[in-house]
Amino acid sequence: MNIYTNRLQLWGLLLSGLVAGSALAQATQPAPAVLAPLAQGFNPNEHWGTFYPLIAAGYQVDVAGVETGLVATNPEKPSERDAWANLTLAEVKPERYTGLVIAGGYSPGHLEKVPEAVALGQWFMKANKPVGAICHGPRLLIKGGLLKDRQMTGLFSMADELADAWAGREYGAYWDQPLVVDRNLVTSRYPNDAAIFAQGVLHGLARQGGLPVPDYGNVGILVVRAEWTGHQKYVLRTLAPLGIQAWGMNADDLTKLTTAVTFKADTYAYVFTVGTVDDKTQAALQPLVKANIPVQAITVKEVIPRFANGWAEVQQSANVALVQAVVGELPKPKPAPALKVVMPEIPVQIEADTPWDNNQTYDAVLAVSSGFDDLAYARAKTRLLKDGRKVVTIAPQVGAVVGLNGLKVDIKVTYADQVKLVDNAIIVAPGGLWPRWNPEARQAAQPEWVKTQEPLRTARYDWLSKQQQAGKWLVVVGMDALYLGQRTEYAGKKYATSDQAVWSFPKGAGAYSAEPVVLTQPGLVSVRGAGEVVAGLELVVKKP
């Protein structure tokens, strides 16, 4: 008996009864469908974190793979988080679908090598149908030449992986924020953005003829049954973007919940039981019954696999049935209010530096390189000039340096030059994204020019570190905070940086902080991003 048979039998024991339909899919006509192209190595949080909210909202979601059948998160290790492709990419008829959703992980790197997958992205974008892409997902769209005039976001490492495309500005604008919306396109950065990404996808579909986005008002739900796996509990938690706060629990979980000093019965509006309720579970339910919380049984359909060893198909179908059963018992939701996404304006023209003179003493430096964060640069410069400081911009080379979103700065002095600075000068490294030499760049062979530029990049961070150690104030923003903090001389120091860098500090280096602005050490302020750069400068001003 192998692992597939074991899992298949487990699901057969857990599931029984009939399907309770979704409250938003009662019409006799077929549910509108969303297409999810998927390949092995996909990120499960990004895929399932959108898949199940779409199901709960009333959509059918078709998973399209290179082949039908199992799509593994890790081909070497079967997991309950694996997916099941019910059709091939070659079989897809795109006109049948309301929208397209592209999860990240290793999946987009595989899909971009499949002509049918690239063609699907092109079809949806050119047809102006809703498209969502998260993390590495935009790689598939960049491969198809589809983002040249689009504002977008995605995982910062895409700059390393798509070095030529990034340097050639094969995107309209990049913003380091959880959700970016540009017409029919919705993008997010990394797995922790999955919930807001799901909201963005749902609202994008609704804006273009899809189903209304349901809002259940943050209703609290407990779903009780004898056995749960971690992924099954996670499935319920993915419903939060629809205003459903649902927790899967067994008898022991219930007992811990209701006996905790923090327990508040009014947090929960419904308790649903699935399957047989034994004496232990019945006893655990009593505090909720006494609190007049309705407890009712729901039924979940029995799932019969269509394919031998089809445990992934079974668990995926069973989770769909569970979500539909839970949502089907809730009162009709209200339509969700429109989702407001604030998009920054791209700086076009800003004040000039203080005129460069190698005999002049300066009290502020903007330390940039190609792909610098235009918005952080503009905001820092505006504030420094407003404070009456003499400001100079420095880069690895003289001439025009272009920012992440196209702002051009004329550079007259480099890091190799001697620049006279007052003792308490402020140096701002504004962050940004540009290809780094990275032998481990995911599913990519980097061009040689990236390697040849690496000494200039290293010299820049050497210069920044040296200036800070010499007593100058250093304000590092976003990715500059990450890359400086990855150096061993800052071991154990806390860095504010982009949220998506939470897992990117190696051992023996700095450490991630979720705070927007951090005094990392005396003379060194780290800042999450462009939105906090002025607050970082104000912290410098307040310090002696």
Protein backbone atom coordinates (compact mmCIF):
# COMPACT_ATOMS: atom_id res chain seq x y z
CA MET A 1 0.00 0.00 0.00
CA ASN A 2 1.63 3.29 -1.08
CA ILE A 3 1.22 6.89 0.09
CA TYR A 4 -1.38 7.59 -2.61
CA THR A 5 -3.59 4.69 -1.52
CA ASN A 6 -3.27 5.68 2.14
CA ARG A 7 -4.35 9.24 1.44
CA LEU A 8 -7.17 8.08 -0.79
CA GLN A 9 -8.57 5.87 1.96
CA LEU A 10 -8.24 8.65 4.52
CA TRP A 11 -10.30 11.01 2.39
CA GLY A 12 -12.88 8.29 1.79
CA LEU A 13 -13.33 7.95 5.56
CA LEU A 14 -13.61 11.69 6.15
CA LEU A 15 -16.17 12.55 3.50
CA SER A 16 -19.85 11.73 3.32
CA GLY A 17 -23.21 13.23 2.39
CA LEU A 18 -24.37 15.69 -0.24
CA VAL A 19 -23.15 19.05 -1.51
CA ALA A 20 -24.45 22.29 -0.08
CA GLY A 21 -24.25 24.84 -2.90
CA SER A 22 -22.65 28.26 -2.70
CA ALA A 23 -24.95 31.12 -1.75
CA LEU A 24 -23.64 33.05 -4.74
CA ALA A 25 -24.01 30.28 -7.32
CA GLN A 26 -27.68 29.33 -7.14
CA ALA A 27 -28.48 30.22 -10.73
CA THR A 28 -29.13 27.38 -13.12
CA GLN A 29 -26.60 28.69 -15.61
CA PRO A 30 -23.02 27.41 -15.25
CA ALA A 31 -20.74 29.32 -12.89
CA PRO A 32 -18.34 31.70 -14.63
CA ALA A 33 -14.91 30.13 -14.90
CA VAL A 34 -11.42 31.38 -14.09
CA LEU A 35 -8.30 29.76 -15.54
CA ALA A 36 -5.26 28.96 -13.39
CA PRO A 37 -2.26 27.73 -15.44
CA LEU A 38 0.03 25.78 -13.16
CA ALA A 39 3.30 23.85 -13.28
CA GLN A 40 5.33 21.98 -10.71
CA GLY A 41 6.97 23.95 -7.95
CA PHE A 42 4.09 26.42 -7.65
CA ASN A 43 3.77 28.37 -4.42
CA PRO A 44 0.82 26.79 -2.55
CA ASN A 45 -0.15 29.89 -0.57
CA GLU A 46 -0.36 31.98 -3.71
CA HIS A 47 -2.34 29.37 -5.65
CA TRP A 48 -4.73 28.12 -2.97
CA GLY A 49 -5.00 31.58 -1.39
CA THR A 50 -6.75 32.71 -4.57
CA PHE A 51 -8.32 29.42 -5.69
CA TYR A 52 -10.60 28.95 -2.66
CA PRO A 53 -11.80 32.57 -2.38
CA LEU A 54 -12.79 32.29 -6.06
CA ILE A 55 -14.70 29.07 -5.31
CA ALA A 56 -16.42 30.69 -2.33
CA ALA A 57 -17.43 33.65 -4.47
CA GLY A 58 -19.16 31.33 -6.94
CA TYR A 59 -16.57 30.79 -9.65
CA GLN A 60 -15.44 27.56 -11.23
CA VAL A 61 -11.65 27.37 -11.30
CA ASP A 62 -9.97 25.22 -13.93
CA VAL A 63 -6.35 24.26 -13.33
CA ALA A 64 -4.49 23.84 -16.62
CA GLY A 65 -1.19 21.97 -16.67
CA VAL A 66 1.26 20.78 -19.27
CA GLU A 67 -0.51 17.46 -18.68
CA THR A 68 -3.65 16.58 -16.75
CA GLY A 69 -3.25 15.13 -13.29
CA LEU A 70 -0.94 15.85 -10.40
CA VAL A 71 0.85 19.21 -10.22
CA ALA A 72 3.29 18.97 -7.35
CA THR A 73 4.57 21.75 -5.13
CA ASN A 74 7.68 19.59 -4.78
CA PRO A 75 8.06 16.70 -7.24
CA GLU A 76 10.26 14.85 -4.73
CA LYS A 77 7.77 14.97 -1.87
CA PRO A 78 4.02 14.32 -2.25
CA SER A 79 1.98 16.84 -0.25
CA GLU A 80 -1.64 17.57 0.52
CA ARG A 81 -0.94 21.03 -0.88
CA ASP A 82 -0.39 19.57 -4.37
CA ALA A 83 -2.89 20.50 -7.08
CA TRP A 84 -4.77 18.60 -9.77
CA ALA A 85 -4.92 19.83 -13.37
CA ASN A 86 -8.27 18.99 -14.92
CA LEU A 87 -7.18 19.98 -18.45
CA THR A 88 -4.03 20.64 -20.43
CA LEU A 89 -2.79 24.00 -21.59
CA ALA A 90 -3.24 22.82 -25.18
CA GLU A 91 -6.93 22.06 -24.51
CA VAL A 92 -7.80 25.49 -23.10
CA LYS A 93 -10.33 27.58 -25.00
CA PRO A 94 -9.60 31.02 -23.51
CA GLU A 95 -12.89 32.57 -24.64
CA ARG A 96 -14.67 30.36 -22.09
CA TYR A 97 -13.01 32.12 -19.17
CA THR A 98 -13.76 35.29 -17.28
CA GLY A 99 -10.17 35.75 -16.16
CA LEU A 100 -6.66 34.36 -15.73
CA VAL A 101 -4.73 33.92 -12.46
CA ILE A 102 -0.99 33.13 -12.38
CA ALA A 103 0.51 31.91 -9.11
CA GLY A 104 4.21 32.22 -8.35
CA GLY A 105 6.91 29.90 -7.12
CA TYR A 106 8.79 27.89 -9.76
CA SER A 107 5.64 27.45 -11.84
CA PRO A 108 5.97 30.63 -13.98
CA GLY A 109 9.59 29.76 -14.83
CA HIS A 110 8.39 26.45 -16.24
CA LEU A 111 5.33 27.93 -17.96
CA GLU A 112 7.32 30.64 -19.76
CA LYS A 113 9.02 27.84 -21.70
CA VAL A 114 5.65 26.44 -22.85
CA PRO A 115 4.35 28.28 -25.96
CA GLU A 116 0.71 27.52 -25.09
CA ALA A 117 1.10 29.16 -21.68
CA VAL A 118 2.75 32.28 -23.12
CA ALA A 119 0.02 32.47 -25.76
CA LEU A 120 -2.69 32.32 -23.08
CA GLY A 121 -1.20 35.30 -21.28
CA GLN A 122 -1.07 37.19 -24.56
CA TRP A 123 -4.67 36.30 -25.39
CA PHE A 124 -6.09 37.49 -22.05
CA MET A 125 -4.08 40.70 -21.97
CA LYS A 126 -4.88 41.63 -25.57
CA ALA A 127 -8.56 40.78 -25.01
CA ASN A 128 -8.50 43.10 -21.97
CA LYS A 129 -9.81 40.33 -19.74
CA PRO A 130 -8.92 40.31 -16.03
CA VAL A 131 -5.44 38.95 -15.31
CA GLY A 132 -3.87 38.41 -11.90
CA ALA A 133 -0.20 37.54 -11.31
CA ILE A 134 1.62 37.24 -8.00
CA CYS A 135 5.27 36.85 -6.98
CA HIS A 136 7.07 35.29 -9.98
CA GLY A 137 3.79 35.24 -11.93
CA PRO A 138 4.58 38.40 -13.93
CA ARG A 139 7.52 36.52 -15.48
CA LEU A 140 5.07 34.79 -17.80
CA LEU A 141 3.65 38.14 -18.92
CA ILE A 142 7.08 39.74 -19.36
CA LYS A 143 8.08 36.74 -21.46
CA GLY A 144 5.11 37.50 -23.69
CA GLY A 145 6.11 41.19 -24.01
CA LEU A 146 2.91 42.28 -22.27
CA LEU A 147 4.00 44.66 -19.51
CA LYS A 148 5.89 47.38 -21.39
CA ASP A 149 3.17 49.95 -20.68
CA ARG A 150 1.87 48.51 -17.40
CA GLN A 151 2.36 49.40 -13.77
CA MET A 152 3.09 46.23 -11.86
CA THR A 153 4.75 44.58 -8.90
CA GLY A 154 6.22 41.16 -8.19
CA LEU A 155 8.99 39.51 -6.22
CA PHE A 156 12.14 41.66 -6.22
CA SER A 157 14.33 38.75 -7.38
CA MET A 158 12.71 38.94 -10.83
CA ALA A 159 15.25 41.68 -11.60
CA ASP A 160 18.04 39.10 -11.24
CA GLU A 161 16.16 36.37 -13.09
CA LEU A 162 15.12 38.51 -16.07
CA ALA A 163 18.22 40.70 -16.23
CA ASP A 164 18.04 41.71 -19.89
CA ALA A 165 14.30 42.34 -19.80
CA TRP A 166 14.65 44.34 -16.57
CA ALA A 167 17.51 46.48 -17.84
CA GLY A 168 15.58 46.98 -21.09
CA ARG A 169 12.55 48.24 -19.13
CA GLU A 170 10.18 45.52 -20.34
CA TYR A 171 7.69 46.91 -17.81
CA GLY A 172 6.00 50.27 -17.51
CA ALA A 173 6.54 50.92 -13.81
CA TYR A 174 7.35 48.81 -10.77
CA TRP A 175 5.94 49.59 -7.32
CA ASP A 176 6.98 47.82 -4.13
CA GLN A 177 3.54 47.62 -2.57
CA PRO A 178 1.14 44.74 -1.75
CA LEU A 179 -1.27 45.34 -4.63
CA VAL A 180 -0.92 47.15 -7.94
CA VAL A 181 -3.86 47.60 -10.28
CA ASP A 182 -3.48 48.83 -13.84
CA ARG A 183 -6.62 48.46 -15.95
CA ASN A 184 -7.29 44.72 -16.31
CA LEU A 185 -4.03 43.70 -14.59
CA VAL A 186 -3.69 42.94 -10.87
CA THR A 187 -0.27 42.07 -9.40
CA SER A 188 1.17 41.36 -5.94
CA ARG A 189 4.66 40.72 -4.58
CA TYR A 190 5.01 37.55 -2.51
CA PRO A 191 3.10 34.89 -0.49
CA ASN A 192 2.20 37.18 2.40
CA ASP A 193 0.28 39.37 -0.07
CA ALA A 194 -1.98 36.43 -1.04
CA ALA A 195 -5.07 37.71 0.80
CA ILE A 196 -4.99 41.22 -0.70
CA PHE A 197 -4.13 39.66 -4.06
CA ALA A 198 -7.28 37.50 -3.85
CA GLN A 199 -9.30 40.62 -3.10
CA GLY A 200 -7.74 42.39 -6.05
CA VAL A 201 -8.52 39.48 -8.37
CA LEU A 202 -12.14 39.27 -7.20
CA HIS A 203 -12.67 43.00 -7.66
CA GLY A 204 -10.92 42.94 -11.02
CA LEU A 205 -13.27 40.22 -12.22
CA ALA A 206 -16.31 42.09 -10.87
CA ARG A 207 -15.30 45.31 -12.65
CA GLN A 208 -15.33 43.49 -15.96
CA GLY A 209 -18.56 41.54 -15.83
CA GLY A 210 -17.72 38.87 -13.26
CA LEU A 211 -19.66 38.05 -10.11
CA PRO A 212 -20.22 40.67 -7.42
CA VAL A 213 -17.62 40.46 -4.66
CA PRO A 214 -19.35 39.11 -1.54
CA ASP A 215 -18.79 40.66 1.88
CA TYR A 216 -19.82 38.48 4.81
CA GLY A 217 -18.93 41.16 7.35
CA ASN A 218 -16.03 39.35 9.05
CA VAL A 219 -18.37 36.69 10.37
CA GLY A 220 -16.67 34.28 12.78
CA ILE A 221 -17.16 30.56 12.11
CA LEU A 222 -15.96 27.36 13.76
CA VAL A 223 -16.03 24.20 11.67
CA VAL A 224 -15.77 21.11 13.82
CA ARG A 225 -14.94 17.55 12.82
CA ALA A 226 -12.94 14.64 14.20
CA GLU A 227 -9.79 15.03 12.14
CA TRP A 228 -8.09 17.88 10.35
CA THR A 229 -4.85 18.31 8.50
CA GLY A 230 -2.90 21.54 8.47
CA HIS A 231 -3.83 22.25 4.88
CA GLN A 232 -7.54 21.65 5.49
CA LYS A 233 -7.47 24.24 8.28
CA TYR A 234 -5.57 26.59 5.99
CA VAL A 235 -8.26 26.23 3.31
CA LEU A 236 -10.80 27.77 5.68
CA ARG A 237 -8.46 30.61 6.55
CA THR A 238 -8.19 31.57 2.86
CA LEU A 239 -11.80 32.80 3.01
CA ALA A 240 -10.81 35.94 4.96
CA PRO A 241 -10.80 38.17 1.83
CA LEU A 242 -14.57 37.56 1.62
CA GLY A 243 -15.13 38.62 5.23
CA ILE A 244 -15.26 35.03 6.55
CA GLN A 245 -13.08 34.30 9.56
CA ALA A 246 -13.25 30.50 9.72
CA TRP A 247 -11.31 28.05 11.89
CA GLY A 248 -11.22 24.28 11.60
CA MET A 249 -11.18 22.50 14.96
CA ASN A 250 -11.44 19.08 16.55
CA ALA A 251 -12.54 18.36 20.14
CA ASP A 252 -9.13 19.10 21.62
CA ASP A 253 -8.86 22.39 19.71
CA LEU A 254 -12.31 23.41 20.99
CA THR A 255 -11.40 22.63 24.59
CA LYS A 256 -8.24 24.74 24.36
CA LEU A 257 -10.23 27.57 22.78
CA THR A 258 -13.12 27.68 25.25
CA THR A 259 -10.93 27.31 28.36
CA ALA A 260 -8.47 30.03 27.39
CA VAL A 261 -8.68 33.25 29.41
CA THR A 262 -8.88 35.19 26.14
CA PHE A 263 -11.96 33.27 24.91
CA LYS A 264 -14.83 35.50 23.79
CA ALA A 265 -17.92 33.64 22.64
CA ASP A 266 -19.24 36.62 20.70
CA THR A 267 -16.32 36.25 18.27
CA TYR A 268 -18.20 33.36 16.63
CA ALA A 269 -21.58 33.58 14.93
CA TYR A 270 -21.83 29.97 13.70
CA VAL A 271 -20.55 26.54 14.56
CA PHE A 272 -20.78 23.89 11.84
CA THR A 273 -20.14 20.24 12.50
CA VAL A 274 -19.06 17.79 9.82
CA GLY A 275 -19.53 14.06 10.21
CA THR A 276 -20.23 12.19 13.45
CA VAL A 277 -20.15 14.20 16.66
CA ASP A 278 -18.87 11.90 19.42
CA ASP A 279 -19.30 12.43 23.16
CA LYS A 280 -15.94 14.16 23.52
CA THR A 281 -16.79 16.66 20.80
CA GLN A 282 -20.29 17.16 22.19
CA ALA A 283 -18.82 18.05 25.57
CA ALA A 284 -16.34 20.44 23.98
CA LEU A 285 -19.20 22.21 22.21
CA GLN A 286 -21.16 22.96 25.39
CA PRO A 287 -19.57 26.36 26.20
CA LEU A 288 -20.62 27.51 22.74
CA VAL A 289 -24.12 26.10 23.12
CA LYS A 290 -24.48 27.87 26.47
CA ALA A 291 -23.42 31.10 24.77
CA ASN A 292 -26.40 30.66 22.38
CA ILE A 293 -24.18 30.23 19.33
CA PRO A 294 -26.10 28.11 16.81
CA VAL A 295 -24.53 24.71 16.21
CA GLN A 296 -25.64 22.91 13.09
CA ALA A 297 -24.50 19.96 11.02
CA ILE A 298 -23.45 20.46 7.42
CA THR A 299 -22.90 17.76 4.86
CA VAL A 300 -20.00 17.50 2.47
CA LYS A 301 -20.15 15.43 -0.68
CA GLU A 302 -18.40 12.13 -1.03
CA VAL A 303 -15.66 12.45 -3.65
CA ILE A 304 -14.96 9.55 -5.97
CA PRO A 305 -11.65 9.82 -7.84
CA ARG A 306 -11.73 9.62 -11.60
CA PHE A 307 -8.14 8.43 -11.84
CA ALA A 308 -6.10 5.70 -10.17
CA ASN A 309 -3.94 7.05 -7.33
CA GLY A 310 -5.83 10.31 -7.69
CA TRP A 311 -5.51 11.44 -4.08
CA ALA A 312 -4.61 15.00 -5.12
CA GLU A 313 -7.80 15.14 -7.16
CA VAL A 314 -9.77 13.83 -4.20
CA GLN A 315 -8.39 16.25 -1.63
CA GLN A 316 -8.78 19.24 -4.00
CA SER A 317 -12.40 18.29 -4.78
CA ALA A 318 -13.13 17.60 -1.12
CA ASN A 319 -11.81 21.02 -0.07
CA VAL A 320 -13.95 22.64 -2.76
CA ALA A 321 -16.97 20.80 -1.38
CA LEU A 322 -16.16 21.90 2.17
CA VAL A 323 -15.86 25.56 1.14
CA GLN A 324 -19.12 25.40 -0.80
CA ALA A 325 -20.89 23.72 2.12
CA VAL A 326 -19.73 26.34 4.62
CA VAL A 327 -20.59 29.31 2.39
CA GLY A 328 -23.90 27.71 1.45
CA GLU A 329 -25.09 27.85 5.07
CA LEU A 330 -24.35 31.55 5.56
CA PRO A 331 -26.88 34.35 5.05
CA LYS A 332 -26.73 36.13 1.73
CA PRO A 333 -23.73 38.49 1.78
CA LYS A 334 -23.70 42.17 0.99
CA PRO A 335 -21.80 43.38 -2.07
CA ALA A 336 -18.32 44.41 -1.00
CA PRO A 337 -17.45 48.10 -1.37
CA ALA A 338 -15.09 49.00 -4.17
CA LEU A 339 -11.47 48.18 -3.45
CA LYS A 340 -9.38 51.35 -3.27
CA VAL A 341 -5.78 51.00 -4.42
CA VAL A 342 -3.65 54.13 -4.21
CA MET A 343 -1.10 54.25 -7.01
CA PRO A 344 1.89 56.59 -6.65
CA GLU A 345 2.72 59.13 -9.32
CA ILE A 346 5.93 58.58 -11.23
CA PRO A 347 8.29 61.55 -10.65
CA VAL A 348 9.02 63.26 -13.95
CA GLN A 349 11.03 66.34 -13.03
CA ILE A 350 12.52 67.41 -9.72
CA GLU A 351 14.79 70.19 -8.48
CA ALA A 352 18.42 70.10 -9.52
CA ASP A 353 21.29 69.32 -7.18
CA THR A 354 23.39 72.03 -5.64
CA PRO A 355 25.86 72.85 -8.47
CA TRP A 356 28.84 70.49 -8.36
CA ASP A 357 32.17 72.00 -7.35
CA ASN A 358 34.98 69.81 -6.03
CA ASN A 359 35.94 72.65 -3.70
CA GLN A 360 32.42 72.87 -2.27
CA THR A 361 31.54 71.19 1.03
CA TYR A 362 28.22 69.36 0.98
CA ASP A 363 25.98 68.30 3.83
CA ALA A 364 23.71 65.84 2.00
CA VAL A 365 24.31 63.08 -0.54
CA LEU A 366 21.88 61.01 -2.59
CA ALA A 367 23.78 57.80 -3.28
CA VAL A 368 22.23 56.10 -6.30
CA SER A 369 22.88 53.46 -8.94
CA SER A 370 20.96 52.26 -12.00
CA GLY A 371 17.38 51.32 -11.15
CA PHE A 372 17.23 53.55 -8.06
CA ASP A 373 13.81 54.12 -6.50
CA ASP A 374 12.64 57.27 -8.27
CA LEU A 375 9.96 58.09 -5.70
CA ALA A 376 12.22 57.66 -2.66
CA TYR A 377 14.89 59.74 -4.41
CA ALA A 378 12.44 62.52 -5.24
CA ARG A 379 10.94 62.66 -1.74
CA ALA A 380 14.33 62.61 -0.01
CA LYS A 381 15.75 65.28 -2.28
CA THR A 382 12.74 67.54 -1.88
CA ARG A 383 13.00 67.33 1.90
CA LEU A 384 16.77 67.86 2.01
CA LEU A 385 16.60 70.93 -0.25
CA LYS A 386 13.67 72.27 1.76
CA ASP A 387 15.85 72.02 4.87
CA GLY A 388 18.43 74.22 3.11
CA ARG A 389 21.03 71.52 2.63
CA LYS A 390 23.62 71.46 -0.11
CA VAL A 391 22.78 68.25 -1.99
CA VAL A 392 24.85 66.25 -4.45
CA THR A 393 23.90 63.01 -6.21
CA ILE A 394 26.60 60.34 -6.56
CA ALA A 395 26.56 57.19 -8.71
CA PRO A 396 29.07 54.54 -9.84
CA GLN A 397 29.64 56.35 -13.14
CA VAL A 398 29.17 59.85 -14.55
CA GLY A 399 26.47 60.59 -17.10
CA ALA A 400 22.78 59.79 -17.14
CA VAL A 401 21.54 57.28 -14.57
CA VAL A 402 17.97 56.04 -14.97
CA GLY A 403 15.75 55.13 -12.07
CA LEU A 404 13.46 52.15 -11.63
CA ASN A 405 10.56 53.93 -13.29
CA GLY A 406 12.40 56.12 -15.78
CA LEU A 407 13.54 59.21 -13.86
CA LYS A 408 16.87 60.40 -15.35
CA VAL A 409 19.55 62.04 -13.23
CA ASP A 410 22.71 63.61 -14.66
CA ILE A 411 25.67 62.42 -12.57
CA LYS A 412 28.84 64.49 -12.28
CA VAL A 413 30.61 62.72 -9.43
CA THR A 414 31.22 59.05 -8.58
CA TYR A 415 32.00 56.98 -5.50
CA ALA A 416 35.66 56.91 -6.57
CA ASP A 417 35.87 60.72 -6.43
CA GLN A 418 36.74 62.81 -3.39
CA VAL A 419 33.62 64.57 -2.09
CA LYS A 420 33.94 67.04 0.76
CA LEU A 421 31.28 66.39 3.39
CA VAL A 422 30.57 68.05 6.72
CA ASP A 423 30.97 65.81 9.76
CA ASN A 424 27.22 65.28 10.27
CA ALA A 425 26.32 65.00 6.59
CA ILE A 426 23.24 62.92 5.69
CA ILE A 427 23.64 60.24 3.04
CA VAL A 428 20.49 58.68 1.57
CA ALA A 429 20.60 55.41 -0.36
CA PRO A 430 17.09 55.42 -1.90
CA GLY A 431 16.75 51.73 -2.76
CA GLY A 432 15.43 50.41 -6.06
CA LEU A 433 15.88 47.30 -8.18
CA TRP A 434 18.59 46.38 -10.67
CA PRO A 435 20.00 42.99 -11.69
CA ARG A 436 22.63 41.67 -9.28
CA TRP A 437 25.12 38.94 -10.04
CA ASN A 438 23.41 35.92 -8.55
CA PRO A 439 24.61 32.42 -9.53
CA GLU A 440 21.47 31.05 -7.85
CA ALA A 441 19.02 33.22 -9.79
CA ARG A 442 15.89 31.10 -10.11
CA GLN A 443 15.45 29.29 -13.44
CA ALA A 444 17.72 31.78 -15.19
CA ALA A 445 21.11 32.01 -16.85
CA GLN A 446 22.30 35.55 -16.17
CA PRO A 447 24.04 37.46 -18.99
CA GLU A 448 27.73 38.22 -18.57
CA TRP A 449 27.20 41.97 -18.29
CA VAL A 450 25.59 41.49 -14.88
CA LYS A 451 28.77 39.88 -13.57
CA THR A 452 30.97 42.63 -14.98
CA GLN A 453 28.89 45.28 -13.15
CA GLU A 454 29.11 43.55 -9.78
CA PRO A 455 32.37 45.24 -8.67
CA LEU A 456 30.70 48.64 -9.06
CA ARG A 457 27.79 47.48 -6.95
CA THR A 458 30.11 46.14 -4.25
CA ALA A 459 32.14 49.37 -4.27
CA ARG A 460 28.96 51.37 -3.67
CA TYR A 461 28.06 49.45 -0.53
CA ASP A 462 31.67 49.63 0.64
CA TRP A 463 31.47 53.42 0.26
CA LEU A 464 28.18 53.64 2.16
CA SER A 465 29.52 51.51 5.02
CA LYS A 466 32.76 53.47 5.19
CA GLN A 467 30.93 56.82 5.34
CA GLN A 468 28.67 55.61 8.13
CA GLN A 469 31.63 54.31 10.12
CA ALA A 470 33.31 57.69 9.64
CA GLY A 471 30.44 59.41 11.46
CA LYS A 472 28.12 60.42 8.65
CA TRP A 473 24.39 59.76 8.99
CA LEU A 474 23.24 57.02 6.64
CA VAL A 475 19.58 56.50 5.68
CA VAL A 476 19.06 53.30 3.68
CA VAL A 477 15.73 52.67 1.99
CA GLY A 478 13.97 49.51 0.83
CA MET A 479 16.29 47.20 -1.09
CA ASP A 480 19.35 49.23 -0.16
CA ALA A 481 18.52 48.47 3.48
CA LEU A 482 18.32 44.76 2.63
CA TYR A 483 21.55 44.61 0.64
CA LEU A 484 23.54 46.61 3.20
CA GLY A 485 22.05 44.51 5.99
CA GLN A 486 23.15 41.31 4.29
CA ARG A 487 26.77 42.21 5.04
CA THR A 488 28.41 40.46 7.98
CA GLU A 489 29.56 43.69 9.67
CA TYR A 490 25.92 44.35 10.55
CA ALA A 491 25.30 40.95 12.17
CA GLY A 492 22.33 41.00 14.52
CA LYS A 493 21.24 44.55 13.63
CA LYS A 494 17.56 45.12 12.88
CA TYR A 495 16.67 46.55 9.48
CA ALA A 496 13.46 48.09 8.24
CA THR A 497 13.15 47.14 4.60
CA SER A 498 10.59 45.96 2.08
CA ASP A 499 8.10 43.47 3.51
CA GLN A 500 8.97 41.03 0.75
CA ALA A 501 12.54 40.79 2.10
CA VAL A 502 11.35 39.14 5.33
CA TRP A 503 13.15 35.85 4.53
CA SER A 504 16.17 37.34 2.73
CA PHE A 505 18.68 38.05 5.50
CA PRO A 506 21.29 35.26 5.75
CA LYS A 507 22.64 33.93 9.02
CA GLY A 508 25.47 35.98 10.42
CA ALA A 509 24.13 39.23 8.92
CA GLY A 510 21.44 41.78 9.78
CA ALA A 511 17.85 40.84 10.56
CA TYR A 512 14.46 41.86 9.22
CA SER A 513 12.21 44.23 11.16
CA ALA A 514 8.55 44.84 10.35
CA GLU A 515 8.82 48.40 11.68
CA PRO A 516 8.57 51.14 9.03
CA VAL A 517 11.61 53.06 10.34
CA VAL A 518 14.39 51.67 12.54
CA LEU A 519 17.44 53.23 14.16
CA THR A 520 19.54 50.24 13.19
CA GLN A 521 22.58 51.53 15.07
CA PRO A 522 23.93 54.97 15.94
CA GLY A 523 24.26 56.90 12.69
CA LEU A 524 22.30 54.36 10.62
CA VAL A 525 18.56 54.59 9.92
CA SER A 526 16.79 51.95 7.83
CA VAL A 527 13.48 52.65 6.12
CA ARG A 528 10.87 50.32 4.63
CA GLY A 529 10.30 52.26 1.41
CA ALA A 530 9.54 55.53 -0.34
CA GLY A 531 6.48 56.13 1.81
CA GLU A 532 8.60 56.30 4.97
CA VAL A 533 11.72 58.08 3.71
CA VAL A 534 10.71 61.47 5.12
CA ALA A 535 10.05 59.88 8.53
CA GLY A 536 13.55 58.39 8.35
CA LEU A 537 15.05 61.80 7.66
CA GLU A 538 13.06 63.31 10.54
CA LEU A 539 14.54 60.70 12.86
CA VAL A 540 18.03 61.83 11.80
CA VAL A 541 17.16 65.47 12.45
CA LYS A 542 15.92 64.65 15.98
CA LYS A 543 19.15 62.85 16.91
CA PRO A 544 22.17 64.83 18.15
